């Protein structure tokens, strides 16, 4: 199986190189890893005490971020080496100020794994959520370097739990601790003989609480909203937007409407503007006169989490694609949340729907029913809003559990 795994890594890397001339994402993946060892020269000085944190992409980074910040706050002398698998994580967070060095993770070959670990000499390693790279895991285990999984979540259909999964189960046994989000994950792992498991919860709850505490005021949104209720569609995609735009065109004065599309390139912004039959303004062009518009499009990155605090209702995009974006960011502001039908792999979404703090829609009729229910039934709205906010508050606290057990004070003790 190890030979097949290494062959798979080789074939995947080769395929990415082949498609790179035709794909921007693949091109970034290839260019970012080119001459990676040479790029690292001088980045890690002799005597640096290194904690290595690896994230697949941007979402996993947000889960690992509370732990990174706790490490830098409590142990500022440690240098963080931050790696990403995907360009969508690296390209956005390559300038993250708490990282001493940020780079792409070299392809998981035995040579790359050994050389990379030799170059950074980490004293502690954190992989976030779904990252299981056999050669890196094996190299760390042989060197007795403590390895932890942060905010892991497991499902019964994963290869760890299949009859052919012994190769993958061996990886899990090489982690010092696997910090998981829920009881189901604990039970699944214990069922295959993995005992190094701690149910800590999801660090994203800690992150959204921090974001809410640090949220800045946005006078432009206050000027746009005035005294009306406001709807925010966060990280929206075309299928979400088509349903919402139909309702807005029929009911432009029900609320003020704000869109923060997932893609903010000029072509996509223009496409979105054309969907509305009512007045539209971009955030970057807002002034006293244009604030009378019914729809505003946020054409920047980084504002959404703070903007949610002005919303009466939030819709989170991605539910008509591979999965929804972050619904905890709006929920922490005590507002009800809605999203498309592809949410079942997201524990927070199923929890909130079951509790009544969120709703899912799959077509225009469903969207209209949810919106009008929350707008007309004050008791229903208040109940949904309270459930959302309490859900975030009641599930925070994973970061202190992890920090207590990763043992930075006794970092040289391997057990």
Protein backbone atom coordinates (compact mmCIF):
# COMPACT_ATOMS: atom_id res chain seq x y z
CA UNK A 1 0.00 0.00 0.00
CA UNK A 2 2.88 2.38 0.73
CA UNK A 3 4.18 1.93 -2.81
CA UNK A 4 0.71 2.65 -4.21
CA UNK A 5 0.44 5.74 -2.02
CA UNK A 6 3.78 7.09 -3.25
CA UNK A 7 2.79 6.30 -6.83
CA UNK A 8 -0.43 8.24 -6.29
CA UNK A 9 1.53 11.26 -5.03
CA UNK A 10 3.78 11.09 -8.08
CA UNK A 11 0.86 10.80 -10.51
CA UNK A 12 -1.03 13.66 -8.85
CA UNK A 13 2.02 15.94 -8.97
CA UNK A 14 2.63 15.02 -12.61
CA UNK A 15 -0.99 15.75 -13.52
CA UNK A 16 -0.86 19.17 -11.85
CA UNK A 17 2.26 20.02 -13.88
CA UNK A 18 0.49 18.96 -17.07
CA UNK A 19 -2.60 21.11 -16.47
CA UNK A 20 -0.67 24.09 -15.01
CA UNK A 21 -0.48 25.97 -18.34
CA UNK A 22 -4.27 25.84 -18.55
CA UNK A 23 -5.24 26.41 -14.90
CA UNK A 24 -4.31 29.37 -12.73
CA UNK A 25 -4.75 27.35 -9.54
CA UNK A 26 -2.56 24.53 -10.82
CA UNK A 27 0.01 27.05 -12.04
CA UNK A 28 0.21 28.63 -8.59
CA UNK A 29 0.51 25.16 -7.02
CA UNK A 30 3.48 24.33 -9.27
CA UNK A 31 5.25 27.70 -9.12
CA UNK A 32 4.87 27.92 -5.37
CA UNK A 33 6.72 24.63 -4.87
CA UNK A 34 9.45 25.21 -7.42
CA UNK A 35 12.91 25.31 -5.76
CA UNK A 36 11.21 25.19 -2.38
CA UNK A 37 14.31 24.08 -0.48
CA UNK A 38 16.41 26.94 -1.90
CA UNK A 39 13.69 29.44 -0.98
CA UNK A 40 13.97 28.31 2.64
CA UNK A 41 17.66 29.12 2.95
CA UNK A 42 18.19 31.50 5.84
CA UNK A 43 14.55 31.52 6.87
CA UNK A 44 15.13 29.30 9.92
CA UNK A 45 18.13 30.31 11.97
CA UNK A 46 20.16 28.00 14.16
CA UNK A 47 18.65 28.05 17.61
CA UNK A 48 15.12 28.95 16.44
CA UNK A 49 12.46 27.03 18.33
CA UNK A 50 9.90 26.10 15.72
CA UNK A 51 6.25 25.06 15.83
CA UNK A 52 5.06 23.86 12.43
CA UNK A 53 1.36 24.31 11.59
CA UNK A 54 -0.02 22.81 8.39
CA UNK A 55 -3.39 23.68 6.86
CA UNK A 56 -4.93 22.45 3.63
CA UNK A 57 -6.49 25.75 2.70
CA UNK A 58 -8.04 28.95 4.03
CA UNK A 59 -10.84 27.31 5.99
CA UNK A 60 -8.44 25.06 7.85
CA UNK A 61 -6.20 28.04 8.55
CA UNK A 62 -9.11 29.78 10.29
CA UNK A 63 -9.50 26.67 12.45
CA UNK A 64 -5.82 26.58 13.30
CA UNK A 65 -5.51 30.31 13.81
CA UNK A 66 -6.82 30.45 17.42
CA UNK A 67 -4.17 27.91 18.44
CA UNK A 68 -1.42 29.78 16.56
CA UNK A 69 -2.39 33.01 18.28
CA UNK A 70 -2.53 31.31 21.68
CA UNK A 71 0.95 29.87 21.13
CA UNK A 72 2.39 33.26 20.15
CA UNK A 73 0.64 34.92 23.07
CA UNK A 74 1.82 32.42 25.70
CA UNK A 75 5.15 31.38 24.14
CA UNK A 76 6.30 34.30 21.95
CA UNK A 77 9.81 32.90 21.60
CA UNK A 78 8.56 30.12 19.31
CA UNK A 79 8.69 30.71 15.56
CA UNK A 80 5.67 29.52 13.59
CA UNK A 81 6.27 27.83 10.25
CA UNK A 82 2.96 27.83 8.40
CA UNK A 83 2.36 25.60 5.37
CA UNK A 84 -0.54 25.26 2.97
CA UNK A 85 -1.48 22.63 0.44
CA UNK A 86 -3.80 24.83 -1.64
CA UNK A 87 -3.17 28.17 -3.37
CA UNK A 88 -6.49 29.46 -2.04
CA UNK A 89 -4.97 29.34 1.44
CA UNK A 90 -1.39 30.33 0.73
CA UNK A 91 -2.07 33.22 -1.61
CA UNK A 92 -4.40 34.91 0.87
CA UNK A 93 -2.43 34.23 4.06
CA UNK A 94 1.19 34.30 2.88
CA UNK A 95 1.64 37.60 4.72
CA UNK A 96 0.14 36.41 8.01
CA UNK A 97 2.13 38.42 10.57
CA UNK A 98 2.38 35.77 13.29
CA UNK A 99 4.12 33.34 10.97
CA UNK A 100 7.88 33.40 10.88
CA UNK A 101 7.84 31.63 7.53
CA UNK A 102 4.90 30.69 5.28
CA UNK A 103 5.15 28.39 2.28
CA UNK A 104 3.49 25.65 0.28
CA UNK A 105 3.84 22.12 1.63
CA UNK A 106 6.22 20.25 -0.69
CA UNK A 107 4.70 17.19 -2.29
CA UNK A 108 4.55 14.27 0.14
CA UNK A 109 7.46 12.18 -1.11
CA UNK A 110 9.86 10.46 1.31
CA UNK A 111 12.72 12.73 0.16
CA UNK A 112 10.72 15.96 0.48
CA UNK A 113 9.35 15.01 3.89
CA UNK A 114 12.78 14.18 5.29
CA UNK A 115 14.46 17.28 3.86
CA UNK A 116 11.68 19.68 4.89
CA UNK A 117 11.69 18.46 8.48
CA UNK A 118 15.49 18.65 8.60
CA UNK A 119 15.38 22.25 7.38
CA UNK A 120 12.81 23.53 9.88
CA UNK A 121 13.63 21.21 12.84
CA UNK A 122 10.22 21.59 14.49
CA UNK A 123 9.74 20.83 18.17
CA UNK A 124 5.98 20.49 17.75
CA UNK A 125 3.71 19.94 14.72
CA UNK A 126 0.00 20.68 14.31
CA UNK A 127 -1.98 19.38 11.33
CA UNK A 128 -5.45 20.89 11.00
CA UNK A 129 -8.67 18.95 10.44
CA UNK A 130 -8.21 16.65 7.41
CA UNK A 131 -4.48 16.58 6.72
CA UNK A 132 -2.98 13.08 6.61
CA UNK A 133 0.29 12.88 4.65
CA UNK A 134 1.94 9.54 5.25
CA UNK A 135 5.57 10.40 4.52
CA UNK A 136 5.51 13.52 6.68
CA UNK A 137 3.72 11.68 9.47
CA UNK A 138 6.19 8.78 9.31
CA UNK A 139 9.23 11.07 9.26
CA UNK A 140 7.98 12.99 12.31
CA UNK A 141 7.23 9.74 14.13
CA UNK A 142 10.72 8.35 13.46
CA UNK A 143 12.28 11.54 14.80
CA UNK A 144 9.99 11.46 17.85
CA UNK A 145 8.65 14.93 17.09
CA UNK A 146 5.22 15.42 18.73
CA UNK A 147 2.39 15.59 16.18
CA UNK A 148 -1.20 16.66 16.89
CA UNK A 149 -4.34 16.88 14.82
CA UNK A 150 -6.45 19.97 15.58
CA UNK A 151 -10.23 20.16 15.06
CA UNK A 152 -10.42 16.77 13.40
CA UNK A 153 -13.77 15.41 12.35
CA UNK A 154 -14.42 11.90 11.10
CA UNK A 155 -17.24 10.20 9.19
CA UNK A 156 -17.96 6.53 8.78
CA UNK A 157 -17.49 6.64 5.00
CA UNK A 158 -13.82 7.65 5.26
CA UNK A 159 -11.13 5.15 4.27
CA UNK A 160 -9.91 4.81 7.88
CA UNK A 161 -13.03 2.78 8.63
CA UNK A 162 -13.06 0.53 5.57
CA UNK A 163 -11.81 -3.05 5.37
CA UNK A 164 -8.87 -1.87 3.27
CA UNK A 165 -8.01 1.01 5.64
CA UNK A 166 -5.20 -0.50 7.72
CA UNK A 167 -2.56 1.65 5.95
CA UNK A 168 -4.48 4.82 6.84
CA UNK A 169 -5.22 3.68 10.39
CA UNK A 170 -1.49 3.33 11.01
CA UNK A 171 -1.13 7.05 10.30
CA UNK A 172 -3.63 7.89 13.03
CA UNK A 173 -1.69 5.89 15.59
CA UNK A 174 1.39 8.03 14.97
CA UNK A 175 -0.28 11.20 16.26
CA UNK A 176 0.37 12.04 19.90
CA UNK A 177 -3.14 13.41 20.23
CA UNK A 178 -6.08 13.71 17.87
CA UNK A 179 -8.29 16.59 19.00
CA UNK A 180 -11.72 16.07 17.48
CA UNK A 181 -14.84 18.19 17.22
CA UNK A 182 -17.56 15.77 18.31
CA UNK A 183 -18.49 12.58 20.10
CA UNK A 184 -19.22 10.73 16.85
CA UNK A 185 -15.57 11.14 15.84
CA UNK A 186 -14.41 9.80 19.21
CA UNK A 187 -16.64 6.73 18.87
CA UNK A 188 -15.56 6.05 15.28
CA UNK A 189 -11.87 6.23 16.18
CA UNK A 190 -12.21 4.17 19.31
CA UNK A 191 -14.07 1.58 17.23
CA UNK A 192 -10.92 0.97 15.15
CA UNK A 193 -8.58 0.94 18.14
CA UNK A 194 -7.44 4.58 18.09
CA UNK A 195 -7.25 5.68 21.72
CA UNK A 196 -5.16 8.86 21.49
CA UNK A 197 -8.33 10.95 21.02
CA UNK A 198 -9.60 14.00 22.91
CA UNK A 199 -12.98 15.62 22.27
CA UNK A 200 -11.95 19.29 22.43
CA UNK A 201 -14.51 20.84 20.10
CA UNK A 202 -14.11 23.07 17.07
CA UNK A 203 -11.61 25.92 17.33
CA UNK A 204 -13.64 27.91 14.79
CA UNK A 205 -16.05 28.82 17.58
CA UNK A 206 -13.17 30.47 19.42
CA UNK A 207 -12.14 32.23 16.24
CA UNK A 208 -15.55 33.74 15.50
CA UNK A 209 -15.85 34.92 19.10
CA UNK A 210 -12.50 36.66 18.72
CA UNK A 211 -13.63 38.20 15.44
CA UNK A 212 -16.81 39.47 17.03
CA UNK A 213 -14.91 40.97 19.96
CA UNK A 214 -12.51 42.72 17.60
CA UNK A 215 -15.08 43.73 14.98
CA UNK A 216 -14.72 47.28 13.79
CA UNK A 217 -17.52 49.65 13.01
CA UNK A 218 -18.29 50.21 9.35
CA UNK A 219 -19.85 53.68 8.98
CA UNK A 220 -20.56 53.11 5.30
CA UNK A 221 -22.82 50.16 6.07
CA UNK A 222 -24.55 52.12 8.81
CA UNK A 223 -25.16 54.93 6.31
CA UNK A 224 -26.52 52.44 3.76
CA UNK A 225 -28.73 50.56 6.24
CA UNK A 226 -30.18 53.67 7.90
CA UNK A 227 -33.12 52.57 10.09
CA UNK A 228 -34.16 49.58 8.00
CA UNK A 229 -33.65 45.87 8.50
CA UNK A 230 -30.77 44.52 6.46
CA UNK A 231 -30.07 41.19 4.76
CA UNK A 232 -26.49 40.05 4.06
CA UNK A 233 -25.59 37.32 1.58
CA UNK A 234 -22.05 36.29 2.54
CA UNK A 235 -19.66 34.44 0.20
CA UNK A 236 -22.46 34.15 -2.34
CA UNK A 237 -22.27 32.23 -5.61
CA UNK A 238 -24.37 32.49 -8.76
CA UNK A 239 -26.98 29.81 -7.84
CA UNK A 240 -27.62 31.47 -4.46
CA UNK A 241 -27.73 34.90 -6.05
CA UNK A 242 -30.24 33.94 -8.75
CA UNK A 243 -32.79 32.87 -6.14
CA UNK A 244 -32.16 35.88 -3.91
CA UNK A 245 -32.23 38.35 -6.81
CA UNK A 246 -35.65 37.13 -7.91
CA UNK A 247 -37.05 37.79 -4.47
CA UNK A 248 -35.33 41.17 -4.18
CA UNK A 249 -36.62 42.28 -7.58
CA UNK A 250 -40.15 41.45 -6.42
CA UNK A 251 -39.67 42.92 -2.92
CA UNK A 252 -36.93 45.56 -3.06
CA UNK A 253 -38.29 47.57 -0.12
CA UNK A 254 -38.70 44.67 2.32
CA UNK A 255 -35.15 45.27 3.59
CA UNK A 256 -31.83 46.70 2.55
CA UNK A 257 -29.83 44.03 0.72
CA UNK A 258 -26.06 43.46 0.87
CA UNK A 259 -24.04 40.96 -1.14
CA UNK A 260 -20.45 39.95 -0.38
CA UNK A 261 -19.76 37.62 -3.33
CA UNK A 262 -17.15 34.90 -3.02
CA UNK A 263 -15.42 36.19 -6.16
CA UNK A 264 -14.86 39.95 -6.37
CA UNK A 265 -13.22 40.26 -9.79
CA UNK A 266 -14.68 42.93 -12.06
CA UNK A 267 -16.44 40.47 -14.34
CA UNK A 268 -18.28 38.81 -11.48
CA UNK A 269 -19.25 42.11 -9.86
CA UNK A 270 -20.72 43.32 -13.16
CA UNK A 271 -22.62 40.07 -13.60
CA UNK A 272 -24.11 40.43 -10.13
CA UNK A 273 -25.08 44.07 -10.69
CA UNK A 274 -27.06 43.13 -13.79
CA UNK A 275 -29.24 40.69 -11.85
CA UNK A 276 -31.18 43.43 -10.07
CA UNK A 277 -34.01 45.58 -11.38
CA UNK A 278 -33.59 47.99 -8.48
CA UNK A 279 -30.84 50.46 -7.58
CA UNK A 280 -27.38 48.97 -6.84
CA UNK A 281 -24.21 50.51 -5.45
CA UNK A 282 -20.75 49.09 -4.82
CA UNK A 283 -19.26 49.60 -1.38
CA UNK A 284 -16.22 51.30 -2.91
CA UNK A 285 -18.46 53.87 -4.63
CA UNK A 286 -20.86 54.57 -1.77
CA UNK A 287 -21.64 58.19 -0.90
CA UNK A 288 -24.59 60.11 0.61
CA UNK A 289 -26.59 60.06 -2.59
CA UNK A 290 -25.92 56.45 -3.60
CA UNK A 291 -26.68 55.21 -0.08
CA UNK A 292 -30.35 55.43 -1.10
CA UNK A 293 -29.80 52.34 -3.29
CA UNK A 294 -31.61 49.17 -2.26
CA UNK A 295 -28.71 46.77 -2.94
CA UNK A 296 -25.06 47.13 -2.02
CA UNK A 297 -22.24 44.89 -3.26
CA UNK A 298 -19.16 44.61 -1.05
CA UNK A 299 -16.28 44.63 -3.52
CA UNK A 300 -13.43 43.93 -1.10
CA UNK A 301 -12.07 41.09 1.03
CA UNK A 302 -11.84 41.11 4.82
CA UNK A 303 -14.94 43.07 5.79
CA UNK A 304 -17.62 40.39 5.86
CA UNK A 305 -17.18 39.11 9.42
CA UNK A 306 -17.58 42.65 10.79
CA UNK A 307 -20.42 43.49 8.41
CA UNK A 308 -22.57 40.66 9.72
CA UNK A 309 -23.21 42.55 12.96
CA UNK A 310 -25.45 44.98 11.05
CA UNK A 311 -27.62 42.22 9.58
CA UNK A 312 -31.14 41.17 10.54
CA UNK A 313 -30.90 37.95 8.50
CA UNK A 314 -27.85 36.31 6.90
CA UNK A 315 -27.56 33.90 4.00
CA UNK A 316 -24.28 32.04 3.49
CA UNK A 317 -23.30 30.87 0.02
CA UNK A 318 -21.86 27.65 -1.32
CA UNK A 319 -24.81 25.42 -0.54
CA UNK A 320 -25.53 24.78 -4.20
CA UNK A 321 -21.92 23.76 -4.82
CA UNK A 322 -19.46 21.63 -2.88
CA UNK A 323 -20.58 22.99 0.49
CA UNK A 324 -21.46 26.04 2.51
CA UNK A 325 -19.03 28.68 3.71
CA UNK A 326 -18.64 29.79 7.33
CA UNK A 327 -22.05 30.08 9.00
CA UNK A 328 -20.60 30.68 12.47
CA UNK A 329 -19.50 34.21 11.59
CA UNK A 330 -23.09 35.46 11.23
CA UNK A 331 -24.50 33.16 13.93
CA UNK A 332 -22.27 34.66 16.61
CA UNK A 333 -24.10 37.98 16.14
CA UNK A 334 -27.42 36.49 17.25
CA UNK A 335 -28.99 36.44 13.81
CA UNK A 336 -30.71 33.54 12.04
CA UNK A 337 -28.85 32.00 9.12
CA UNK A 338 -29.98 30.38 5.88
CA UNK A 339 -28.11 28.48 3.17
CA UNK A 340 -28.47 26.08 0.25
CA UNK A 341 -29.05 22.31 0.37
CA UNK A 342 -25.46 20.96 0.37
CA UNK A 343 -24.75 21.36 4.07
CA UNK A 344 -24.95 17.87 5.58
CA UNK A 345 -21.16 17.44 5.91
CA UNK A 346 -21.03 20.50 8.15
CA UNK A 347 -21.81 19.66 11.76
CA UNK A 348 -22.62 23.24 12.74
CA UNK A 349 -25.20 23.48 9.95
CA UNK A 350 -27.01 20.28 10.89
CA UNK A 351 -26.89 21.26 14.56
CA UNK A 352 -28.35 24.70 13.93
CA UNK A 353 -31.09 23.41 11.65
CA UNK A 354 -32.06 20.77 14.18
CA UNK A 355 -32.13 23.37 16.96
CA UNK A 356 -34.03 25.94 14.90
CA UNK A 357 -31.36 28.61 14.49
CA UNK A 358 -30.88 28.04 10.77
CA UNK A 359 -32.87 27.01 7.72
CA UNK A 360 -31.99 25.56 4.34
CA UNK A 361 -33.56 26.36 0.97
CA UNK A 362 -33.25 24.59 -2.35
CA UNK A 363 -35.41 26.81 -4.54
CA UNK A 364 -37.14 30.18 -4.74
CA UNK A 365 -40.26 29.00 -2.94
CA UNK A 366 -38.22 27.78 0.02
CA UNK A 367 -36.19 30.98 0.20
CA UNK A 368 -39.31 33.14 0.16
CA UNK A 369 -40.97 31.07 2.87
CA UNK A 370 -37.96 31.36 5.20
CA UNK A 371 -37.50 35.11 4.67
CA UNK A 372 -41.14 35.94 5.15
CA UNK A 373 -41.43 33.71 8.19
CA UNK A 374 -38.62 35.53 9.97
CA UNK A 375 -39.93 38.92 8.85
CA UNK A 376 -43.53 38.42 9.95
CA UNK A 377 -43.29 36.21 13.04
CA UNK A 378 -41.39 38.09 15.76
CA UNK A 379 -41.38 35.15 18.18
CA UNK A 380 -40.02 32.80 15.52
CA UNK A 381 -37.33 35.32 14.59
CA UNK A 382 -36.25 35.92 18.19
CA UNK A 383 -36.10 32.21 18.93
CA UNK A 384 -33.99 31.48 15.83
CA UNK A 385 -31.68 34.41 16.52
CA UNK A 386 -31.12 33.45 20.16
CA UNK A 387 -30.44 29.83 19.24
CA UNK A 388 -27.76 30.89 16.75
CA UNK A 389 -25.92 33.12 19.20
CA UNK A 390 -26.13 30.65 22.08
CA UNK A 391 -24.87 27.84 19.87
CA UNK A 392 -21.60 29.69 19.26
CA UNK A 393 -21.17 30.71 22.87
CA UNK A 394 -21.93 27.24 24.23
CA UNK A 395 -19.49 25.49 21.90
CA UNK A 396 -16.45 27.70 22.33
CA UNK A 397 -13.44 26.70 24.43
CA UNK A 398 -11.55 24.19 22.27
CA UNK A 399 -8.37 26.25 22.16
CA UNK A 400 -7.67 26.17 25.93
CA UNK A 401 -8.18 22.39 25.94
CA UNK A 402 -5.64 21.98 23.14
CA UNK A 403 -3.16 24.40 24.66
CA UNK A 404 -3.26 22.56 27.98
CA UNK A 405 -2.43 19.22 26.38
CA UNK A 406 0.09 19.95 23.62
CA UNK A 407 2.76 20.35 26.28
CA UNK A 408 4.87 23.25 25.07
CA UNK A 409 6.30 23.65 28.57
CA UNK A 410 7.66 20.11 28.39
CA UNK A 411 8.30 20.15 24.68
CA UNK A 412 11.36 17.94 24.80
CA UNK A 413 9.49 15.09 26.48
CA UNK A 414 8.10 12.61 23.96
CA UNK A 415 5.54 10.12 25.12
